[in-house]
Amino acid sequence: MNSNRTSKTPKIKAKRIEKPPYVIDQSKLRRFDSKNIVFGRVMWDSSWEGYMRMYDEKVLRTISEGKCGYSRVDFALAYASWIVHDAFKGGFSWKKIKLNRTPAVSTGIDWTKTKYEVDDPYRMSILIKRAARLFGASLVGVCELNRDWLYADVDVPEKFENVIVMAVEMDADGIATSPAAPAAAATGVGYSKMAFMLAGVGEFVRNLGYEAIQCGNDTALSIPLGIDAGLGELGRNGLLITPEYGPRVRLCKVLTDLSLETDKPIEFGVKEFCKKCKLCAEHCEASAISMNDEPSFEVTCRSNNPGALKWYVDVERCYLYWCENGTDCSTCIKVCPYNVASAKKANISAKEFWEPNEK
C-alpha cells in the first residue's frame, strides 16, 4: 500500500485551456486498427489466452453457485439492459434511418433536400447541445475531428470536420454493486441510451440538411474526442474522468459537416490526483491497471494504441477476468474518488440494489 496515496474526495475546479491536456509522441502515434480492440481479438487472435473465450461462458455455473449479485434475476436485468443497443440498428447509422412502419409524424416533407443556413456556428452549437440533452445526454461538447483518432480501417470523408461528443451518466447504485451483475445492467442501460441519443441527434442534424455519422465505440476513439470536446480528462484507469460524474459515463459521438463552434478542453488536476491515488489499481481484480507513480509511453498489450503519455491498461487481463466473473466489471469506476464525489454510495450489495432502504 502506498503511504502517500490520496483517497479523499478530490477538489474539482475545472478551467478551460487552449490545448487538450494530453502529451502525444507523433513519432509513435498511429491510427488504431479496430481489429485490435480486445473484443475483436477474441475472434481472430489465436496468440493470446482470450481467443474464442466468451465472457458469458460461466454464467449458468455462476448462477448455480447462489452468490449475491449473480442470481438469475440479476443476469436477467443485465441482459435486458442491452436490448435497445443490440436491437436498434438505426442508433449507429451513417445515413437517414429507414423506418419499418408508418411514422407517427408524417408531413411528406423531405427535410434533407435543403440545408438550413447556419450564419452563427456559436448559436448552432447551443441548439445542438440543447437537442442532445433533450435526447438524454448528461454531458455534451463539440470538437474538431482530429483524424488521428479515427480507426485506421475506417474511411470518413473530409467534409466531416466536427464531432458532437455526448456522455450519458450510468446508474450510481448499479455501478456500486460491481463486479456483480447489476453493475453490468448499469453499463448496458448506458449503451441502450446511447443508441437513442445518437439516433435523435443524428436525425436532427439530417433534418437540417446536413450529414451525420452516428458512432458508439466504433469509427473513432471516444475518449480522446471527449477530452478534445471539453468533457473531461484521462484517468489512471484508462477512462474519461468528468467533473460531474467521474468515470461513471458512457461516451458516443456524431461526426458531421454541420458548421459548429467548438469547445475548449478542460483541466482540473486529474493526472496529479491519479499519481497519488491508485485506488483503481489497488482494487482491480485483474491487476490490469498500472501502479506506477508516473505515466509513460510503454504499452502493455496489442490492444493498446501507442503514442500517448498515460497509464496503459492491460485490457487482456481485464477481459480474462470478465470471463471468470461471468459478466463485465466496473470496479475501477466504482472506487474512483471522482465517482464517489457524485454517487449516493460508493459500495452496495445486490440485495441493497434491489431492496433499497427508503429511510
Protein backbone atom coordinates (compact mmCIF):
# COMPACT_ATOMS: atom_id res chain seq x y z
CA MET A 1 0.00 0.00 0.00
CA ASN A 2 1.33 3.42 -0.96
CA SER A 3 1.52 5.58 2.18
CA ASN A 4 1.24 8.72 0.05
CA ARG A 5 -1.95 7.54 -1.63
CA THR A 6 -4.76 10.07 -1.87
CA SER A 7 -8.22 8.65 -1.19
CA LYS A 8 -10.05 11.80 -0.15
CA THR A 9 -12.72 13.32 -2.36
CA PRO A 10 -10.88 15.45 -4.92
CA LYS A 11 -11.44 19.16 -5.17
CA ILE A 12 -12.92 19.84 -8.57
CA LYS A 13 -12.48 23.21 -10.21
CA ALA A 14 -12.37 22.84 -13.95
CA LYS A 15 -10.84 25.51 -16.16
CA ARG A 16 -10.85 25.90 -19.92
CA ILE A 17 -7.47 25.55 -21.62
CA GLU A 18 -6.26 26.12 -25.16
CA LYS A 19 -4.92 22.65 -25.93
CA PRO A 20 -6.02 19.16 -24.79
CA PRO A 21 -4.20 18.12 -21.58
CA TYR A 22 -2.54 15.05 -23.07
CA VAL A 23 1.00 14.52 -24.36
CA ILE A 24 1.46 12.84 -27.73
CA ASP A 25 4.61 11.46 -29.33
CA GLN A 26 3.84 11.86 -33.03
CA SER A 27 6.69 9.51 -33.94
CA LYS A 28 4.88 6.70 -32.12
CA LEU A 29 1.25 7.61 -32.67
CA ARG A 30 -0.61 5.62 -35.30
CA ARG A 31 -4.27 5.41 -36.14
CA PHE A 32 -5.57 2.38 -34.27
CA ASP A 33 -6.84 -0.60 -36.27
CA SER A 34 -10.21 -1.61 -34.82
CA LYS A 35 -9.46 -5.29 -35.33
CA ASN A 36 -7.08 -4.96 -32.35
CA ILE A 37 -9.87 -4.00 -29.95
CA VAL A 38 -9.78 -6.77 -27.36
CA PHE A 39 -13.33 -7.92 -28.17
CA GLY A 40 -12.38 -8.33 -31.83
CA ARG A 41 -9.22 -10.23 -30.96
CA VAL A 42 -11.34 -12.82 -29.18
CA MET A 43 -12.49 -13.95 -32.61
CA TRP A 44 -9.23 -13.95 -34.57
CA ASP A 45 -6.11 -13.69 -32.41
CA SER A 46 -5.09 -17.23 -31.51
CA SER A 47 -1.86 -15.93 -29.94
CA TRP A 48 -3.48 -14.92 -26.66
CA GLU A 49 -5.36 -16.68 -23.88
CA GLY A 50 -8.65 -14.94 -24.56
CA TYR A 51 -9.00 -16.41 -28.06
CA MET A 52 -12.55 -17.76 -28.56
CA ARG A 53 -13.42 -17.20 -24.89
CA MET A 54 -16.78 -15.52 -24.29
CA TYR A 55 -17.21 -13.65 -21.04
CA ASP A 56 -20.63 -15.21 -20.52
CA GLU A 57 -19.20 -18.72 -20.70
CA LYS A 58 -19.59 -19.34 -16.95
CA VAL A 59 -22.92 -17.61 -16.40
CA LEU A 60 -25.03 -20.71 -15.77
CA ARG A 61 -22.48 -22.17 -13.39
CA THR A 62 -22.19 -18.81 -11.62
CA ILE A 63 -25.97 -18.63 -11.14
CA SER A 64 -26.00 -22.15 -9.68
CA GLU A 65 -23.47 -21.09 -7.02
CA GLY A 66 -26.05 -18.77 -5.44
CA LYS A 67 -23.69 -15.85 -4.94
CA CYS A 68 -25.26 -12.50 -4.09
CA GLY A 69 -25.40 -10.29 -7.18
CA TYR A 70 -25.12 -13.22 -9.59
CA SER A 71 -28.65 -14.67 -9.46
CA ARG A 72 -31.00 -15.43 -12.33
CA VAL A 73 -32.78 -12.14 -11.57
CA ASP A 74 -29.52 -10.16 -11.66
CA PHE A 75 -28.48 -11.62 -15.01
CA ALA A 76 -32.00 -11.19 -16.42
CA LEU A 77 -31.67 -7.48 -15.71
CA ALA A 78 -28.16 -7.28 -17.16
CA TYR A 79 -29.16 -8.93 -20.42
CA ALA A 80 -32.34 -6.84 -20.71
CA SER A 81 -30.35 -3.63 -20.33
CA TRP A 82 -28.67 -4.07 -23.72
CA ILE A 83 -31.85 -4.59 -25.75
CA VAL A 84 -32.13 -1.16 -27.40
CA HIS A 85 -28.40 -1.05 -28.19
CA ASP A 86 -28.46 -4.53 -29.70
CA ALA A 87 -31.84 -4.43 -31.45
CA PHE A 88 -31.93 -0.88 -32.83
CA LYS A 89 -29.58 -0.75 -35.78
CA GLY A 90 -30.60 2.83 -36.52
CA GLY A 91 -28.71 4.00 -33.47
CA PHE A 92 -25.43 3.61 -35.32
CA SER A 93 -26.44 4.72 -38.80
CA TRP A 94 -24.35 6.76 -41.22
CA LYS A 95 -27.43 7.65 -43.30
CA LYS A 96 -31.07 8.68 -42.86
CA ILE A 97 -32.63 5.98 -40.70
CA LYS A 98 -35.06 3.71 -42.52
CA LEU A 99 -38.39 3.16 -40.83
CA ASN A 100 -40.10 -0.20 -40.54
CA ARG A 101 -43.56 1.26 -40.01
CA THR A 102 -45.58 4.38 -40.77
CA PRO A 103 -44.05 7.32 -38.87
CA ALA A 104 -46.01 8.90 -36.04
CA VAL A 105 -45.36 12.34 -37.54
CA SER A 106 -45.56 12.43 -41.32
CA THR A 107 -45.99 15.54 -43.45
CA GLY A 108 -44.45 14.22 -46.64
CA ILE A 109 -41.63 16.75 -46.38
CA ASP A 110 -38.12 15.57 -47.20
CA TRP A 111 -36.08 17.75 -44.85
CA THR A 112 -32.78 16.51 -46.28
CA LYS A 113 -33.31 18.20 -49.66
CA THR A 114 -32.40 21.68 -48.48
CA LYS A 115 -29.87 22.96 -45.96
CA TYR A 116 -30.71 25.17 -43.04
CA GLU A 117 -28.41 28.16 -43.41
CA VAL A 118 -26.04 28.45 -40.48
CA ASP A 119 -24.88 32.04 -40.12
CA ASP A 120 -23.81 31.69 -36.49
CA PRO A 121 -21.91 28.49 -35.57
CA TYR A 122 -21.93 29.50 -31.89
CA ARG A 123 -25.72 29.67 -31.88
CA MET A 124 -25.91 26.39 -33.77
CA SER A 125 -23.75 24.71 -31.13
CA ILE A 126 -26.13 25.92 -28.44
CA LEU A 127 -29.06 24.40 -30.35
CA ILE A 128 -27.23 21.10 -30.88
CA LYS A 129 -26.36 20.83 -27.20
CA ARG A 130 -29.95 21.56 -26.17
CA ALA A 131 -31.18 18.87 -28.55
CA ALA A 132 -28.61 16.38 -27.26
CA ARG A 133 -29.70 16.97 -23.67
CA LEU A 134 -33.33 16.56 -24.69
CA PHE A 135 -32.45 13.17 -26.16
CA GLY A 136 -30.79 12.12 -22.92
CA ALA A 137 -27.18 13.34 -22.95
CA SER A 138 -25.86 14.09 -19.48
CA LEU A 139 -22.92 16.00 -20.96
CA VAL A 140 -22.25 17.27 -24.47
CA GLY A 141 -19.38 19.10 -26.15
CA VAL A 142 -18.16 19.87 -29.66
CA CYS A 143 -14.68 19.49 -31.12
CA GLU A 144 -12.96 19.43 -34.47
CA LEU A 145 -12.39 15.94 -35.82
CA ASN A 146 -8.77 15.06 -35.15
CA ARG A 147 -8.23 12.33 -37.72
CA ASP A 148 -5.56 10.69 -35.58
CA TRP A 149 -8.49 9.37 -33.53
CA LEU A 150 -10.26 7.69 -36.45
CA TYR A 151 -9.75 3.94 -36.66
CA ALA A 152 -7.20 3.08 -39.33
CA ASP A 153 -9.64 0.80 -41.13
CA VAL A 154 -12.40 3.43 -41.35
CA ASP A 155 -12.75 5.91 -44.21
CA VAL A 156 -14.56 9.12 -43.24
CA PRO A 157 -14.96 11.77 -45.97
CA GLU A 158 -13.04 15.02 -45.43
CA LYS A 159 -16.22 17.10 -45.21
CA PHE A 160 -16.91 15.67 -41.76
CA GLU A 161 -15.00 18.27 -39.77
CA ASN A 162 -16.83 18.43 -36.44
CA VAL A 163 -17.78 15.97 -33.72
CA ILE A 164 -20.65 16.20 -31.25
CA VAL A 165 -19.48 14.19 -28.24
CA MET A 166 -22.04 13.05 -25.70
CA ALA A 167 -21.78 11.33 -22.33
CA VAL A 168 -24.59 9.53 -20.53
CA GLU A 169 -24.44 9.02 -16.78
CA MET A 170 -24.65 5.41 -15.62
CA ASP A 171 -26.81 4.48 -12.64
CA ALA A 172 -24.77 5.08 -9.49
CA ASP A 173 -26.39 2.34 -7.40
CA GLY A 174 -25.89 -0.21 -10.15
CA ILE A 175 -22.21 0.63 -10.56
CA ALA A 176 -21.80 0.49 -6.77
CA THR A 177 -22.50 -3.27 -6.85
CA SER A 178 -19.55 -4.04 -9.16
CA PRO A 179 -18.35 -6.63 -10.05
CA ALA A 180 -21.85 -8.12 -9.62
CA ALA A 181 -24.41 -8.28 -12.44
CA PRO A 182 -26.42 -5.14 -11.52
CA ALA A 183 -23.31 -3.13 -12.44
CA ALA A 184 -23.37 -4.80 -15.85
CA ALA A 185 -27.00 -3.70 -16.14
CA ALA A 186 -25.99 -0.10 -15.45
CA THR A 187 -23.45 -0.40 -18.26
CA GLY A 188 -25.96 -1.94 -20.67
CA VAL A 189 -28.55 0.74 -19.97
CA GLY A 190 -25.87 3.31 -20.74
CA TYR A 191 -25.29 1.74 -24.15
CA SER A 192 -29.02 1.46 -24.87
CA LYS A 193 -29.49 5.12 -24.00
CA MET A 194 -26.59 5.91 -26.32
CA ALA A 195 -28.42 4.31 -29.24
CA PHE A 196 -31.46 6.52 -28.69
CA MET A 197 -29.39 9.67 -28.17
CA LEU A 198 -27.36 9.04 -31.31
CA ALA A 199 -30.45 8.41 -33.42
CA GLY A 200 -32.14 11.56 -32.16
CA VAL A 201 -29.16 13.85 -32.64
CA GLY A 202 -28.22 12.27 -35.97
CA GLU A 203 -31.73 12.71 -37.37
CA PHE A 204 -31.89 16.28 -36.04
CA VAL A 205 -28.72 17.09 -38.00
CA ARG A 206 -30.07 15.37 -41.14
CA ASN A 207 -33.38 17.21 -40.85
CA LEU A 208 -31.34 20.42 -41.08
CA GLY A 209 -29.97 19.18 -44.41
CA TYR A 210 -26.53 18.05 -43.22
CA GLU A 211 -24.89 14.65 -42.81
CA ALA A 212 -24.28 12.70 -39.64
CA ILE A 213 -22.27 9.61 -38.77
CA GLN A 214 -23.56 8.12 -35.50
CA CYS A 215 -20.89 6.26 -33.52
CA GLY A 216 -20.79 4.33 -30.30
CA ASN A 217 -17.43 2.66 -29.68
CA ASP A 218 -16.97 2.31 -33.43
CA THR A 219 -15.44 4.56 -36.12
CA ALA A 220 -13.20 6.63 -33.82
CA LEU A 221 -11.69 6.62 -30.33
CA SER A 222 -14.26 8.17 -28.00
CA ILE A 223 -12.05 9.12 -25.05
CA PRO A 224 -9.61 11.47 -26.82
CA LEU A 225 -12.55 13.05 -28.64
CA GLY A 226 -14.26 13.53 -25.27
CA ILE A 227 -11.12 15.25 -24.00
CA ASP A 228 -10.95 17.43 -27.12
CA ALA A 229 -14.61 18.39 -26.64
CA GLY A 230 -14.02 19.54 -23.07
CA LEU A 231 -15.89 16.79 -21.25
CA GLY A 232 -13.03 15.67 -19.02
CA GLU A 233 -9.51 14.30 -18.61
CA LEU A 234 -7.92 10.87 -18.90
CA GLY A 235 -7.55 8.89 -15.67
CA ARG A 236 -5.22 6.15 -14.48
CA ASN A 237 -7.97 3.62 -15.22
CA GLY A 238 -7.87 4.49 -18.92
CA LEU A 239 -11.28 6.15 -18.79
CA LEU A 240 -12.55 9.68 -19.26
CA ILE A 241 -12.90 11.41 -15.88
CA THR A 242 -15.60 14.07 -15.91
CA PRO A 243 -16.03 16.76 -13.22
CA GLU A 244 -19.71 15.87 -12.84
CA TYR A 245 -19.69 12.06 -12.66
CA GLY A 246 -16.08 10.98 -12.62
CA PRO A 247 -15.64 7.96 -14.93
CA ARG A 248 -19.28 6.84 -14.45
CA VAL A 249 -20.30 7.71 -18.01
CA ARG A 250 -20.60 6.08 -21.42
CA LEU A 251 -19.48 8.02 -24.49
CA CYS A 252 -20.80 8.33 -28.01
CA LYS A 253 -20.40 10.83 -30.80
CA VAL A 254 -21.85 12.16 -34.04
CA LEU A 255 -19.47 13.18 -36.83
CA THR A 256 -20.96 15.90 -39.01
CA ASP A 257 -20.42 18.51 -41.73
CA LEU A 258 -22.69 20.94 -39.85
CA SER A 259 -20.95 24.21 -39.04
CA LEU A 260 -20.43 24.41 -35.27
CA GLU A 261 -18.33 26.37 -32.82
CA THR A 262 -16.05 24.04 -30.90
CA ASP A 263 -15.42 23.89 -27.15
CA LYS A 264 -12.06 24.22 -25.45
CA PRO A 265 -10.67 21.31 -23.42
CA ILE A 266 -10.76 21.44 -19.64
CA GLU A 267 -8.28 20.68 -16.90
CA PHE A 268 -8.96 20.01 -13.21
CA GLY A 269 -5.92 18.13 -11.95
CA VAL A 270 -6.79 14.52 -12.78
CA LYS A 271 -3.27 13.43 -13.69
CA GLU A 272 -1.74 14.80 -10.49
CA PHE A 273 -4.52 13.26 -8.40
CA CYS A 274 -4.16 9.87 -10.11
CA LYS A 275 -0.40 9.86 -9.47
CA LYS A 276 -1.10 9.61 -5.73
CA CYS A 277 -4.49 7.91 -5.52
CA LYS A 278 -4.09 4.45 -7.14
CA LEU A 279 -7.38 3.15 -5.70
CA CYS A 280 -8.49 1.78 -9.08
CA ALA A 281 -5.22 -0.15 -9.41
CA GLU A 282 -5.38 -1.46 -5.86
CA HIS A 283 -8.94 -2.72 -6.26
CA CYS A 284 -8.60 -4.13 -9.79
CA GLU A 285 -9.27 -7.89 -9.55
CA ALA A 286 -7.28 -8.46 -12.73
CA SER A 287 -4.25 -6.37 -11.73
CA ALA A 288 -4.72 -4.71 -15.11
CA ILE A 289 -4.16 -1.11 -14.02
CA SER A 290 -0.66 0.28 -13.55
CA MET A 291 0.63 1.05 -10.04
CA ASN A 292 3.46 3.19 -11.43
CA ASP A 293 3.75 6.66 -9.98
CA GLU A 294 4.24 8.26 -13.38
CA PRO A 295 2.54 7.67 -16.74
CA SER A 296 4.71 6.50 -19.63
CA PHE A 297 4.70 5.68 -23.34
CA GLU A 298 5.11 1.95 -22.65
CA VAL A 299 2.17 -0.15 -23.84
CA THR A 300 1.09 -3.35 -22.09
CA CYS A 301 -0.56 -5.33 -24.88
CA ARG A 302 -1.61 -5.35 -28.51
CA SER A 303 -4.94 -3.71 -27.74
CA ASN A 304 -3.22 -0.51 -26.57
CA ASN A 305 -2.75 2.36 -29.00
CA PRO A 306 0.83 3.66 -28.61
CA GLY A 307 1.91 7.27 -28.78
CA ALA A 308 0.21 8.87 -25.76
CA LEU A 309 1.76 9.54 -22.36
CA LYS A 310 -0.55 7.72 -19.94
CA TRP A 311 -1.02 4.71 -17.70
CA TYR A 312 -1.71 1.92 -20.18
CA VAL A 313 -4.27 -0.64 -19.01
CA ASP A 314 -3.68 -4.33 -19.71
CA VAL A 315 -7.08 -4.95 -21.26
CA GLU A 316 -6.18 -8.57 -21.96
CA ARG A 317 -6.11 -9.22 -18.22
CA CYS A 318 -9.27 -7.19 -17.81
CA TYR A 319 -11.14 -9.31 -20.36
CA LEU A 320 -9.92 -12.59 -18.89
CA TYR A 321 -11.26 -11.51 -15.50
CA TRP A 322 -14.63 -10.85 -17.13
CA CYS A 323 -14.60 -14.46 -18.37
CA GLU A 324 -14.02 -15.69 -14.82
CA ASN A 325 -16.56 -13.27 -13.35
CA GLY A 326 -19.31 -14.29 -15.76
CA THR A 327 -20.01 -10.67 -16.67
CA ASP A 328 -18.20 -7.38 -17.12
CA CYS A 329 -16.66 -5.34 -14.32
CA SER A 330 -16.84 -1.67 -13.33
CA THR A 331 -14.87 -1.72 -10.09
CA CYS A 332 -12.32 0.82 -11.33
CA ILE A 333 -15.27 3.18 -11.89
CA LYS A 334 -16.91 2.36 -8.56
CA VAL A 335 -13.88 3.09 -6.38
CA CYS A 336 -12.72 6.22 -8.21
CA PRO A 337 -12.96 9.21 -5.82
CA TYR A 338 -14.26 11.32 -8.72
CA ASN A 339 -17.20 8.92 -8.94
CA VAL A 340 -17.65 8.75 -5.18
CA ALA A 341 -17.95 12.53 -5.13
CA SER A 342 -21.18 12.34 -7.15
CA ALA A 343 -22.57 8.88 -6.32
CA LYS A 344 -25.04 8.28 -3.50
CA LYS A 345 -23.00 5.37 -2.17
CA ALA A 346 -19.58 4.07 -3.11
CA ASN A 347 -20.42 0.44 -2.47
CA ILE A 348 -23.67 -1.50 -2.02
CA SER A 349 -24.68 -5.14 -2.25
CA ALA A 350 -27.04 -6.52 -4.87
CA LYS A 351 -29.61 -7.01 -2.10
CA GLU A 352 -29.43 -3.30 -1.30
CA PHE A 353 -29.72 -2.53 -5.02
CA TRP A 354 -32.97 -4.49 -5.28
CA GLU A 355 -34.33 -3.57 -1.84
CA PRO A 356 -33.05 -0.07 -1.03
CA ASN A 357 -33.58 1.31 2.44
CA GLU A 358 -36.05 4.15 1.97
CA LYS A 359 -35.38 5.70 5.39
